[in-house]
Protein backbone atom coordinates (compact mmCIF):
# COMPACT_ATOMS: atom_id res chain seq x y z
CA UNK A 1 0.00 0.00 0.00
CA UNK A 2 1.54 3.29 -1.12
CA UNK A 3 0.46 6.03 1.26
CA UNK A 4 1.56 8.75 -1.13
CA UNK A 5 -0.50 7.38 -4.02
CA UNK A 6 -3.50 6.88 -1.75
CA UNK A 7 -3.29 10.46 -0.50
CA UNK A 8 -3.10 11.86 -4.04
CA UNK A 9 -6.00 9.71 -5.26
CA UNK A 10 -8.22 10.57 -2.28
CA UNK A 11 -7.57 14.30 -2.69
CA UNK A 12 -8.36 14.08 -6.42
CA UNK A 13 -11.75 12.51 -5.73
CA UNK A 14 -12.46 14.97 -2.94
CA UNK A 15 -11.81 17.80 -5.38
CA UNK A 16 -14.19 16.20 -7.90
CA UNK A 17 -16.78 15.75 -5.18
CA UNK A 18 -16.57 19.42 -4.24
CA UNK A 19 -17.50 20.33 -7.81
CA UNK A 20 -20.41 17.89 -8.02
CA UNK A 21 -23.96 19.21 -7.71
CA UNK A 22 -26.86 17.08 -6.57
CA UNK A 23 -26.80 13.55 -5.17
CA UNK A 24 -26.78 11.60 -8.47
CA UNK A 25 -23.45 12.80 -9.91
CA UNK A 26 -21.81 12.65 -6.48
CA UNK A 27 -22.61 8.99 -5.77
CA UNK A 28 -20.17 7.46 -8.33
CA UNK A 29 -17.42 9.80 -7.14
CA UNK A 30 -17.97 8.76 -3.52
CA UNK A 31 -17.82 5.08 -4.44
CA UNK A 32 -14.63 5.58 -6.44
CA UNK A 33 -13.12 7.52 -3.55
CA UNK A 34 -13.92 4.69 -1.12
CA UNK A 35 -12.64 2.09 -3.56
CA UNK A 36 -9.26 3.82 -3.82
CA UNK A 37 -8.98 4.24 -0.03
CA UNK A 38 -10.22 0.75 0.90
CA UNK A 39 -6.77 -0.46 2.05
CA UNK A 40 -6.42 2.43 4.47
CA UNK A 41 -9.99 1.95 5.68
CA UNK A 42 -9.32 -1.74 6.24
CA UNK A 43 -6.19 -0.90 8.23
CA UNK A 44 -8.19 1.55 10.31
CA UNK A 45 -10.88 -1.09 11.02
CA UNK A 46 -8.29 -3.70 11.97
CA UNK A 47 -6.32 -1.32 14.19
CA UNK A 48 -9.32 -0.10 16.17
CA UNK A 49 -10.89 -3.56 16.41
CA UNK A 50 -7.82 -5.33 17.77
CA UNK A 51 -6.50 -2.50 19.94
CA UNK A 52 -9.67 -1.08 21.44
CA UNK A 53 -12.34 -3.79 21.04
CA UNK A 54 -10.52 -7.16 21.25
CA UNK A 55 -13.51 -8.80 22.97
CA UNK A 56 -15.46 -8.45 19.72
CA UNK A 57 -12.91 -10.74 18.03
CA UNK A 58 -13.83 -13.55 20.42
CA UNK A 59 -17.02 -15.59 20.74
CA UNK A 60 -19.89 -15.19 20.31
CA UNK A 61 -19.18 -12.32 17.90
CA UNK A 62 -15.89 -13.52 16.33
CA UNK A 63 -15.75 -10.27 14.37
CA UNK A 64 -13.14 -9.87 11.64
CA UNK A 65 -11.99 -6.55 10.23
CA UNK A 66 -13.00 -7.64 6.71
CA UNK A 67 -16.57 -8.14 7.92
CA UNK A 68 -16.93 -4.70 9.46
CA UNK A 69 -15.26 -2.95 6.52
CA UNK A 70 -18.37 -3.23 4.36
CA UNK A 71 -20.54 -1.77 7.13
CA UNK A 72 -18.15 1.15 7.54
CA UNK A 73 -18.13 1.77 3.78
CA UNK A 74 -21.94 1.89 3.76
CA UNK A 75 -21.87 4.31 6.67
CA UNK A 76 -19.46 6.57 4.77
CA UNK A 77 -21.55 6.46 1.58
CA UNK A 78 -24.57 7.69 3.53
CA UNK A 79 -22.60 10.24 5.54
CA UNK A 80 -20.93 11.76 2.48
CA UNK A 81 -24.26 12.50 0.88
CA UNK A 82 -24.51 15.21 3.53
CA UNK A 83 -20.93 15.83 4.67
CA UNK A 84 -18.28 16.72 2.08
CA UNK A 85 -14.75 16.60 3.50
CA UNK A 86 -12.42 18.84 1.52
CA UNK A 87 -9.05 17.37 2.50
CA UNK A 88 -7.53 13.94 3.07
CA UNK A 89 -7.16 14.92 6.70
CA UNK A 90 -10.90 15.61 7.04
CA UNK A 91 -11.82 12.45 5.14
CA UNK A 92 -9.88 10.11 7.42
CA UNK A 93 -11.17 11.95 10.50
CA UNK A 94 -14.69 11.22 9.23
CA UNK A 95 -13.78 7.59 8.56
CA UNK A 96 -12.26 7.23 12.02
CA UNK A 97 -15.46 8.53 13.60
CA UNK A 98 -17.67 6.07 11.72
CA UNK A 99 -15.42 3.11 12.49
CA UNK A 100 -15.72 3.98 16.16
CA UNK A 101 -19.50 4.32 15.88
CA UNK A 102 -19.78 0.94 14.17
CA UNK A 103 -17.67 -0.76 16.85
CA UNK A 104 -19.55 0.97 19.65
CA UNK A 105 -22.84 -0.22 18.17
CA UNK A 106 -21.58 -3.81 17.87
CA UNK A 107 -20.27 -3.73 21.45
CA UNK A 108 -23.61 -2.37 22.69
CA UNK A 109 -25.51 -5.14 20.89
CA UNK A 110 -23.15 -7.75 22.33
CA UNK A 111 -23.65 -6.43 25.87
CA UNK A 112 -27.43 -6.34 25.43
CA UNK A 113 -27.45 -9.85 23.96
CA UNK A 114 -25.37 -11.27 26.80
CA UNK A 115 -27.64 -9.63 29.37
CA UNK A 116 -30.76 -11.05 27.67
CA UNK A 117 -29.27 -14.55 27.51
CA UNK A 118 -28.35 -14.45 31.18
CA UNK A 119 -31.89 -13.49 32.12
CA UNK A 120 -33.35 -16.31 30.04
CA UNK A 121 -31.05 -18.96 31.49
CA UNK A 122 -32.37 -18.78 35.03
CA UNK A 123 -34.70 -16.85 37.28
CA UNK A 124 -31.88 -16.89 39.85
CA UNK A 125 -28.93 -14.94 38.43
CA UNK A 126 -25.54 -16.57 38.63
CA UNK A 127 -22.66 -14.66 40.25
CA UNK A 128 -21.52 -12.03 37.79
CA UNK A 129 -18.09 -12.26 36.21
CA UNK A 130 -16.71 -8.81 36.84
CA UNK A 131 -13.70 -9.29 34.54
CA UNK A 132 -15.46 -8.48 31.27
CA UNK A 133 -17.42 -5.58 32.74
CA UNK A 134 -14.26 -4.07 34.21
CA UNK A 135 -12.48 -4.46 30.85
CA UNK A 136 -15.42 -2.78 29.11
CA UNK A 137 -15.35 0.12 31.57
CA UNK A 138 -11.60 0.48 31.15
CA UNK A 139 -11.98 0.53 27.35
CA UNK A 140 -14.59 3.27 27.64
CA UNK A 141 -12.25 5.25 29.90
CA UNK A 142 -9.40 4.92 27.43
CA UNK A 143 -11.56 6.00 24.47
CA UNK A 144 -12.93 8.93 26.45
CA UNK A 145 -9.39 9.95 27.38
CA UNK A 146 -8.33 9.83 23.72
CA UNK A 147 -11.37 11.85 22.67
CA UNK A 148 -10.55 14.35 25.41
CA UNK A 149 -7.06 15.11 24.07
CA UNK A 150 -6.47 18.53 22.50
CA UNK A 151 -7.33 18.54 18.79
CA UNK A 152 -3.76 18.42 17.48
CA UNK A 153 -2.63 15.69 19.86
CA UNK A 154 -5.78 13.61 19.27
CA UNK A 155 -5.39 13.81 15.50
CA UNK A 156 -1.76 12.64 15.59
CA UNK A 157 -2.56 9.89 18.09
CA UNK A 158 -5.36 8.57 15.86
CA UNK A 159 -3.20 8.61 12.74
CA UNK A 160 -0.11 6.98 14.29
CA UNK A 161 -1.37 4.75 17.09
CA UNK A 162 -4.81 3.79 15.76
CA UNK A 163 -4.61 4.01 11.97
CA UNK A 164 -1.05 2.67 11.97
CA UNK A 165 0.63 5.41 9.94
CA UNK A 166 4.31 6.12 10.36
CA UNK A 167 5.19 9.56 11.68
CA UNK A 168 6.35 10.79 8.23
CA UNK A 169 3.06 9.54 6.69
CA UNK A 170 1.04 11.35 9.35
CA UNK A 171 3.12 14.48 8.75
CA UNK A 172 2.27 14.28 5.04
CA UNK A 173 -1.47 13.99 5.72
CA UNK A 174 -1.54 16.83 8.25
CA UNK A 175 0.89 19.07 6.40
CA UNK A 176 3.47 19.53 9.16
CA UNK A 177 6.99 18.27 9.80
CA UNK A 178 7.77 14.84 11.24
CA UNK A 179 9.31 16.60 14.23
CA UNK A 180 5.98 18.32 14.91
CA UNK A 181 4.16 15.00 14.67
CA UNK A 182 6.58 13.45 17.17
CA UNK A 183 6.15 16.36 19.56
CA UNK A 184 2.35 16.15 19.42
CA UNK A 185 2.40 12.36 19.81
CA UNK A 186 4.72 12.55 22.82
CA UNK A 187 2.52 15.17 24.45
CA UNK A 188 -0.61 13.12 23.75
CA UNK A 189 0.95 10.02 25.30
CA UNK A 190 2.01 12.04 28.33
CA UNK A 191 -1.52 13.40 28.81
CA UNK A 192 -3.03 9.91 28.44
CA UNK A 193 -0.52 8.50 30.90
CA UNK A 194 -1.53 11.12 33.45
CA UNK A 195 -5.28 10.54 32.98
CA UNK A 196 -5.00 6.74 33.02
CA UNK A 197 -2.18 6.29 35.52
CA UNK A 198 -4.27 3.90 37.65
CA UNK A 199 -4.64 1.46 34.72
CA UNK A 200 -0.91 0.88 34.34
CA UNK A 201 0.46 -2.41 35.67
CA UNK A 202 2.56 -1.91 38.79
CA UNK A 203 6.31 -2.02 38.24
CA UNK A 204 7.51 -5.35 39.71
CA UNK A 205 10.76 -3.63 40.71
CA UNK A 206 8.90 -1.18 42.91
CA UNK A 207 8.71 -2.08 46.62
CA UNK A 208 5.24 -2.99 47.88
CA UNK A 209 3.33 -0.24 49.58
CA UNK A 210 3.48 -0.47 53.36
CA UNK A 211 0.20 -0.91 55.17
CA UNK A 212 -0.62 1.53 57.98
CA UNK A 213 -0.46 -0.03 61.46
C-alpha atoms as a PDB file:
ATOM      1  CA  UNK A   1       0.000   0.000   0.000  1.00  0.00           C
ATOM      2  CA  UNK A   2       1.543   3.289  -1.116  1.00  0.00           C
ATOM      3  CA  UNK A   3       0.464   6.034   1.262  1.00  0.00           C
ATOM      4  CA  UNK A   4       1.558   8.753  -1.132  1.00  0.00           C
ATOM      5  CA  UNK A   5      -0.504   7.377  -4.024  1.00  0.00           C
ATOM      6  CA  UNK A   6      -3.504   6.883  -1.746  1.00  0.00           C
ATOM      7  CA  UNK A   7      -3.287  10.455  -0.500  1.00  0.00           C
ATOM      8  CA  UNK A   8      -3.096  11.860  -4.039  1.00  0.00           C
ATOM      9  CA  UNK A   9      -6.004   9.709  -5.257  1.00  0.00           C
ATOM     10  CA  UNK A  10      -8.219  10.568  -2.279  1.00  0.00           C
ATOM     11  CA  UNK A  11      -7.574  14.297  -2.695  1.00  0.00           C
ATOM     12  CA  UNK A  12      -8.361  14.083  -6.415  1.00  0.00           C
ATOM     13  CA  UNK A  13     -11.748  12.513  -5.732  1.00  0.00           C
ATOM     14  CA  UNK A  14     -12.465  14.972  -2.944  1.00  0.00           C
ATOM     15  CA  UNK A  15     -11.806  17.804  -5.383  1.00  0.00           C
ATOM     16  CA  UNK A  16     -14.188  16.204  -7.898  1.00  0.00           C
ATOM     17  CA  UNK A  17     -16.779  15.749  -5.179  1.00  0.00           C
ATOM     18  CA  UNK A  18     -16.567  19.425  -4.238  1.00  0.00           C
ATOM     19  CA  UNK A  19     -17.497  20.333  -7.807  1.00  0.00           C
ATOM     20  CA  UNK A  20     -20.414  17.889  -8.017  1.00  0.00           C
ATOM     21  CA  UNK A  21     -23.956  19.214  -7.710  1.00  0.00           C
ATOM     22  CA  UNK A  22     -26.864  17.079  -6.566  1.00  0.00           C
ATOM     23  CA  UNK A  23     -26.797  13.549  -5.173  1.00  0.00           C
ATOM     24  CA  UNK A  24     -26.781  11.600  -8.467  1.00  0.00           C
ATOM     25  CA  UNK A  25     -23.455  12.797  -9.907  1.00  0.00           C
ATOM     26  CA  UNK A  26     -21.812  12.646  -6.477  1.00  0.00           C
ATOM     27  CA  UNK A  27     -22.611   8.987  -5.774  1.00  0.00           C
ATOM     28  CA  UNK A  28     -20.174   7.459  -8.326  1.00  0.00           C
ATOM     29  CA  UNK A  29     -17.418   9.798  -7.141  1.00  0.00           C
ATOM     30  CA  UNK A  30     -17.973   8.758  -3.515  1.00  0.00           C
ATOM     31  CA  UNK A  31     -17.825   5.080  -4.443  1.00  0.00           C
ATOM     32  CA  UNK A  32     -14.627   5.576  -6.445  1.00  0.00           C
ATOM     33  CA  UNK A  33     -13.125   7.520  -3.552  1.00  0.00           C
ATOM     34  CA  UNK A  34     -13.915   4.694  -1.117  1.00  0.00           C
ATOM     35  CA  UNK A  35     -12.643   2.090  -3.562  1.00  0.00           C
ATOM     36  CA  UNK A  36      -9.256   3.816  -3.816  1.00  0.00           C
ATOM     37  CA  UNK A  37      -8.981   4.236  -0.027  1.00  0.00           C
ATOM     38  CA  UNK A  38     -10.217   0.750   0.901  1.00  0.00           C
ATOM     39  CA  UNK A  39      -6.773  -0.460   2.045  1.00  0.00           C
ATOM     40  CA  UNK A  40      -6.424   2.431   4.468  1.00  0.00           C
ATOM     41  CA  UNK A  41      -9.995   1.950   5.682  1.00  0.00           C
ATOM     42  CA  UNK A  42      -9.320  -1.744   6.243  1.00  0.00           C
ATOM     43  CA  UNK A  43      -6.194  -0.903   8.226  1.00  0.00           C
ATOM     44  CA  UNK A  44      -8.188   1.547  10.315  1.00  0.00           C
ATOM     45  CA  UNK A  45     -10.883  -1.089  11.016  1.00  0.00           C
ATOM     46  CA  UNK A  46      -8.287  -3.701  11.969  1.00  0.00           C
ATOM     47  CA  UNK A  47      -6.318  -1.319  14.193  1.00  0.00           C
ATOM     48  CA  UNK A  48      -9.323  -0.099  16.168  1.00  0.00           C
ATOM     49  CA  UNK A  49     -10.889  -3.564  16.406  1.00  0.00           C
ATOM     50  CA  UNK A  50      -7.819  -5.329  17.768  1.00  0.00           C
ATOM     51  CA  UNK A  51      -6.502  -2.504  19.935  1.00  0.00           C
ATOM     52  CA  UNK A  52      -9.675  -1.081  21.437  1.00  0.00           C
ATOM     53  CA  UNK A  53     -12.339  -3.792  21.040  1.00  0.00           C
ATOM     54  CA  UNK A  54     -10.522  -7.156  21.247  1.00  0.00           C
ATOM     55  CA  UNK A  55     -13.511  -8.799  22.971  1.00  0.00           C
ATOM     56  CA  UNK A  56     -15.456  -8.455  19.716  1.00  0.00           C
ATOM     57  CA  UNK A  57     -12.912 -10.739  18.030  1.00  0.00           C
ATOM     58  CA  UNK A  58     -13.833 -13.553  20.416  1.00  0.00           C
ATOM     59  CA  UNK A  59     -17.018 -15.591  20.735  1.00  0.00           C
ATOM     60  CA  UNK A  60     -19.895 -15.190  20.306  1.00  0.00           C
ATOM     61  CA  UNK A  61     -19.176 -12.321  17.902  1.00  0.00           C
ATOM     62  CA  UNK A  62     -15.887 -13.516  16.333  1.00  0.00           C
ATOM     63  CA  UNK A  63     -15.746 -10.274  14.371  1.00  0.00           C
ATOM     64  CA  UNK A  64     -13.144  -9.866  11.645  1.00  0.00           C
ATOM     65  CA  UNK A  65     -11.991  -6.546  10.230  1.00  0.00           C
ATOM     66  CA  UNK A  66     -13.005  -7.644   6.714  1.00  0.00           C
ATOM     67  CA  UNK A  67     -16.572  -8.142   7.924  1.00  0.00           C
ATOM     68  CA  UNK A  68     -16.932  -4.702   9.456  1.00  0.00           C
ATOM     69  CA  UNK A  69     -15.257  -2.947   6.524  1.00  0.00           C
ATOM     70  CA  UNK A  70     -18.373  -3.234   4.358  1.00  0.00           C
ATOM     71  CA  UNK A  71     -20.541  -1.770   7.127  1.00  0.00           C
ATOM     72  CA  UNK A  72     -18.147   1.155   7.536  1.00  0.00           C
ATOM     73  CA  UNK A  73     -18.130   1.771   3.777  1.00  0.00           C
ATOM     74  CA  UNK A  74     -21.941   1.887   3.765  1.00  0.00           C
ATOM     75  CA  UNK A  75     -21.867   4.313   6.674  1.00  0.00           C
ATOM     76  CA  UNK A  76     -19.462   6.569   4.768  1.00  0.00           C
ATOM     77  CA  UNK A  77     -21.548   6.458   1.579  1.00  0.00           C
ATOM     78  CA  UNK A  78     -24.572   7.687   3.532  1.00  0.00           C
ATOM     79  CA  UNK A  79     -22.596  10.239   5.539  1.00  0.00           C
ATOM     80  CA  UNK A  80     -20.926  11.764   2.476  1.00  0.00           C
ATOM     81  CA  UNK A  81     -24.262  12.504   0.884  1.00  0.00           C
ATOM     82  CA  UNK A  82     -24.515  15.210   3.526  1.00  0.00           C
ATOM     83  CA  UNK A  83     -20.930  15.832   4.673  1.00  0.00           C
ATOM     84  CA  UNK A  84     -18.283  16.718   2.079  1.00  0.00           C
ATOM     85  CA  UNK A  85     -14.746  16.600   3.495  1.00  0.00           C
ATOM     86  CA  UNK A  86     -12.423  18.843   1.520  1.00  0.00           C
ATOM     87  CA  UNK A  87      -9.053  17.375   2.503  1.00  0.00           C
ATOM     88  CA  UNK A  88      -7.529  13.943   3.070  1.00  0.00           C
ATOM     89  CA  UNK A  89      -7.164  14.920   6.700  1.00  0.00           C
ATOM     90  CA  UNK A  90     -10.897  15.609   7.037  1.00  0.00           C
ATOM     91  CA  UNK A  91     -11.825  12.446   5.137  1.00  0.00           C
ATOM     92  CA  UNK A  92      -9.879  10.109   7.423  1.00  0.00           C
ATOM     93  CA  UNK A  93     -11.169  11.948  10.498  1.00  0.00           C
ATOM     94  CA  UNK A  94     -14.695  11.224   9.226  1.00  0.00           C
ATOM     95  CA  UNK A  95     -13.776   7.593   8.563  1.00  0.00           C
ATOM     96  CA  UNK A  96     -12.264   7.225  12.025  1.00  0.00           C
ATOM     97  CA  UNK A  97     -15.465   8.527  13.604  1.00  0.00           C
ATOM     98  CA  UNK A  98     -17.673   6.072  11.719  1.00  0.00           C
ATOM     99  CA  UNK A  99     -15.417   3.105  12.491  1.00  0.00           C
ATOM    100  CA  UNK A 100     -15.722   3.980  16.165  1.00  0.00           C
ATOM    101  CA  UNK A 101     -19.501   4.323  15.879  1.00  0.00           C
ATOM    102  CA  UNK A 102     -19.780   0.942  14.173  1.00  0.00           C
ATOM    103  CA  UNK A 103     -17.668  -0.755  16.848  1.00  0.00           C
ATOM    104  CA  UNK A 104     -19.552   0.970  19.652  1.00  0.00           C
ATOM    105  CA  UNK A 105     -22.842  -0.225  18.166  1.00  0.00           C
ATOM    106  CA  UNK A 106     -21.580  -3.807  17.872  1.00  0.00           C
ATOM    107  CA  UNK A 107     -20.275  -3.732  21.446  1.00  0.00           C
ATOM    108  CA  UNK A 108     -23.608  -2.372  22.688  1.00  0.00           C
ATOM    109  CA  UNK A 109     -25.506  -5.139  20.894  1.00  0.00           C
ATOM    110  CA  UNK A 110     -23.153  -7.748  22.333  1.00  0.00           C
ATOM    111  CA  UNK A 111     -23.653  -6.431  25.866  1.00  0.00           C
ATOM    112  CA  UNK A 112     -27.433  -6.340  25.433  1.00  0.00           C
ATOM    113  CA  UNK A 113     -27.451  -9.849  23.961  1.00  0.00           C
ATOM    114  CA  UNK A 114     -25.372 -11.267  26.805  1.00  0.00           C
ATOM    115  CA  UNK A 115     -27.643  -9.631  29.372  1.00  0.00           C
ATOM    116  CA  UNK A 116     -30.757 -11.049  27.667  1.00  0.00           C
ATOM    117  CA  UNK A 117     -29.267 -14.554  27.509  1.00  0.00           C
ATOM    118  CA  UNK A 118     -28.352 -14.451  31.179  1.00  0.00           C
ATOM    119  CA  UNK A 119     -31.893 -13.486  32.125  1.00  0.00           C
ATOM    120  CA  UNK A 120     -33.349 -16.309  30.045  1.00  0.00           C
ATOM    121  CA  UNK A 121     -31.053 -18.959  31.493  1.00  0.00           C
ATOM    122  CA  UNK A 122     -32.374 -18.779  35.032  1.00  0.00           C
ATOM    123  CA  UNK A 123     -34.696 -16.849  37.281  1.00  0.00           C
ATOM    124  CA  UNK A 124     -31.878 -16.891  39.848  1.00  0.00           C
ATOM    125  CA  UNK A 125     -28.933 -14.940  38.435  1.00  0.00           C
ATOM    126  CA  UNK A 126     -25.538 -16.568  38.635  1.00  0.00           C
ATOM    127  CA  UNK A 127     -22.658 -14.661  40.254  1.00  0.00           C
ATOM    128  CA  UNK A 128     -21.517 -12.030  37.789  1.00  0.00           C
ATOM    129  CA  UNK A 129     -18.086 -12.262  36.210  1.00  0.00           C
ATOM    130  CA  UNK A 130     -16.710  -8.806  36.838  1.00  0.00           C
ATOM    131  CA  UNK A 131     -13.704  -9.293  34.543  1.00  0.00           C
ATOM    132  CA  UNK A 132     -15.463  -8.476  31.269  1.00  0.00           C
ATOM    133  CA  UNK A 133     -17.420  -5.576  32.744  1.00  0.00           C
ATOM    134  CA  UNK A 134     -14.257  -4.073  34.207  1.00  0.00           C
ATOM    135  CA  UNK A 135     -12.481  -4.463  30.849  1.00  0.00           C
ATOM    136  CA  UNK A 136     -15.416  -2.779  29.113  1.00  0.00           C
ATOM    137  CA  UNK A 137     -15.350   0.117  31.572  1.00  0.00           C
ATOM    138  CA  UNK A 138     -11.595   0.483  31.152  1.00  0.00           C
ATOM    139  CA  UNK A 139     -11.980   0.529  27.353  1.00  0.00           C
ATOM    140  CA  UNK A 140     -14.585   3.273  27.642  1.00  0.00           C
ATOM    141  CA  UNK A 141     -12.252   5.254  29.901  1.00  0.00           C
ATOM    142  CA  UNK A 142      -9.396   4.920  27.428  1.00  0.00           C
ATOM    143  CA  UNK A 143     -11.562   5.997  24.471  1.00  0.00           C
ATOM    144  CA  UNK A 144     -12.930   8.932  26.455  1.00  0.00           C
ATOM    145  CA  UNK A 145      -9.389   9.954  27.379  1.00  0.00           C
ATOM    146  CA  UNK A 146      -8.327   9.830  23.721  1.00  0.00           C
ATOM    147  CA  UNK A 147     -11.374  11.850  22.674  1.00  0.00           C
ATOM    148  CA  UNK A 148     -10.548  14.354  25.414  1.00  0.00           C
ATOM    149  CA  UNK A 149      -7.064  15.105  24.073  1.00  0.00           C
ATOM    150  CA  UNK A 150      -6.473  18.530  22.502  1.00  0.00           C
ATOM    151  CA  UNK A 151      -7.332  18.544  18.788  1.00  0.00           C
ATOM    152  CA  UNK A 152      -3.760  18.420  17.476  1.00  0.00           C
ATOM    153  CA  UNK A 153      -2.626  15.685  19.856  1.00  0.00           C
ATOM    154  CA  UNK A 154      -5.780  13.615  19.270  1.00  0.00           C
ATOM    155  CA  UNK A 155      -5.386  13.814  15.500  1.00  0.00           C
ATOM    156  CA  UNK A 156      -1.764  12.641  15.592  1.00  0.00           C
ATOM    157  CA  UNK A 157      -2.562   9.886  18.092  1.00  0.00           C
ATOM    158  CA  UNK A 158      -5.365   8.565  15.858  1.00  0.00           C
ATOM    159  CA  UNK A 159      -3.204   8.612  12.739  1.00  0.00           C
ATOM    160  CA  UNK A 160      -0.114   6.979  14.286  1.00  0.00           C
ATOM    161  CA  UNK A 161      -1.367   4.747  17.094  1.00  0.00           C
ATOM    162  CA  UNK A 162      -4.811   3.787  15.763  1.00  0.00           C
ATOM    163  CA  UNK A 163      -4.608   4.007  11.975  1.00  0.00           C
ATOM    164  CA  UNK A 164      -1.050   2.670  11.969  1.00  0.00           C
ATOM    165  CA  UNK A 165       0.628   5.411   9.945  1.00  0.00           C
ATOM    166  CA  UNK A 166       4.309   6.123  10.355  1.00  0.00           C
ATOM    167  CA  UNK A 167       5.185   9.557  11.683  1.00  0.00           C
ATOM    168  CA  UNK A 168       6.350  10.787   8.228  1.00  0.00           C
ATOM    169  CA  UNK A 169       3.061   9.537   6.690  1.00  0.00           C
ATOM    170  CA  UNK A 170       1.040  11.348   9.347  1.00  0.00           C
ATOM    171  CA  UNK A 171       3.116  14.476   8.750  1.00  0.00           C
ATOM    172  CA  UNK A 172       2.273  14.276   5.036  1.00  0.00           C
ATOM    173  CA  UNK A 173      -1.468  13.989   5.721  1.00  0.00           C
ATOM    174  CA  UNK A 174      -1.541  16.829   8.254  1.00  0.00           C
ATOM    175  CA  UNK A 175       0.888  19.066   6.400  1.00  0.00           C
ATOM    176  CA  UNK A 176       3.466  19.531   9.162  1.00  0.00           C
ATOM    177  CA  UNK A 177       6.985  18.271   9.804  1.00  0.00           C
ATOM    178  CA  UNK A 178       7.771  14.842  11.239  1.00  0.00           C
ATOM    179  CA  UNK A 179       9.310  16.605  14.235  1.00  0.00           C
ATOM    180  CA  UNK A 180       5.979  18.325  14.907  1.00  0.00           C
ATOM    181  CA  UNK A 181       4.162  15.001  14.672  1.00  0.00           C
ATOM    182  CA  UNK A 182       6.578  13.452  17.171  1.00  0.00           C
ATOM    183  CA  UNK A 183       6.155  16.359  19.564  1.00  0.00           C
ATOM    184  CA  UNK A 184       2.354  16.152  19.425  1.00  0.00           C
ATOM    185  CA  UNK A 185       2.401  12.364  19.810  1.00  0.00           C
ATOM    186  CA  UNK A 186       4.722  12.551  22.822  1.00  0.00           C
ATOM    187  CA  UNK A 187       2.518  15.170  24.453  1.00  0.00           C
ATOM    188  CA  UNK A 188      -0.610  13.120  23.746  1.00  0.00           C
ATOM    189  CA  UNK A 189       0.952  10.025  25.298  1.00  0.00           C
ATOM    190  CA  UNK A 190       2.008  12.037  28.332  1.00  0.00           C
ATOM    191  CA  UNK A 191      -1.524  13.396  28.815  1.00  0.00           C
ATOM    192  CA  UNK A 192      -3.030   9.913  28.445  1.00  0.00           C
ATOM    193  CA  UNK A 193      -0.515   8.505  30.905  1.00  0.00           C
ATOM    194  CA  UNK A 194      -1.531  11.124  33.452  1.00  0.00           C
ATOM    195  CA  UNK A 195      -5.277  10.538  32.982  1.00  0.00           C
ATOM    196  CA  UNK A 196      -4.998   6.738  33.023  1.00  0.00           C
ATOM    197  CA  UNK A 197      -2.184   6.287  35.520  1.00  0.00           C
ATOM    198  CA  UNK A 198      -4.272   3.897  37.652  1.00  0.00           C
ATOM    199  CA  UNK A 199      -4.639   1.463  34.716  1.00  0.00           C
ATOM    200  CA  UNK A 200      -0.910   0.881  34.343  1.00  0.00           C
ATOM    201  CA  UNK A 201       0.457  -2.406  35.669  1.00  0.00           C
ATOM    202  CA  UNK A 202       2.564  -1.909  38.795  1.00  0.00           C
ATOM    203  CA  UNK A 203       6.306  -2.021  38.243  1.00  0.00           C
ATOM    204  CA  UNK A 204       7.514  -5.349  39.714  1.00  0.00           C
ATOM    205  CA  UNK A 205      10.761  -3.634  40.710  1.00  0.00           C
ATOM    206  CA  UNK A 206       8.899  -1.184  42.914  1.00  0.00           C
ATOM    207  CA  UNK A 207       8.714  -2.080  46.617  1.00  0.00           C
ATOM    208  CA  UNK A 208       5.235  -2.993  47.883  1.00  0.00           C
ATOM    209  CA  UNK A 209       3.328  -0.237  49.585  1.00  0.00           C
ATOM    210  CA  UNK A 210       3.478  -0.474  53.364  1.00  0.00           C
ATOM    211  CA  UNK A 211       0.197  -0.906  55.172  1.00  0.00           C
ATOM    212  CA  UNK A 212      -0.617   1.529  57.976  1.00  0.00           C
ATOM    213  CA  UNK A 213      -0.459  -0.029  61.457  1.00  0.00           C
END
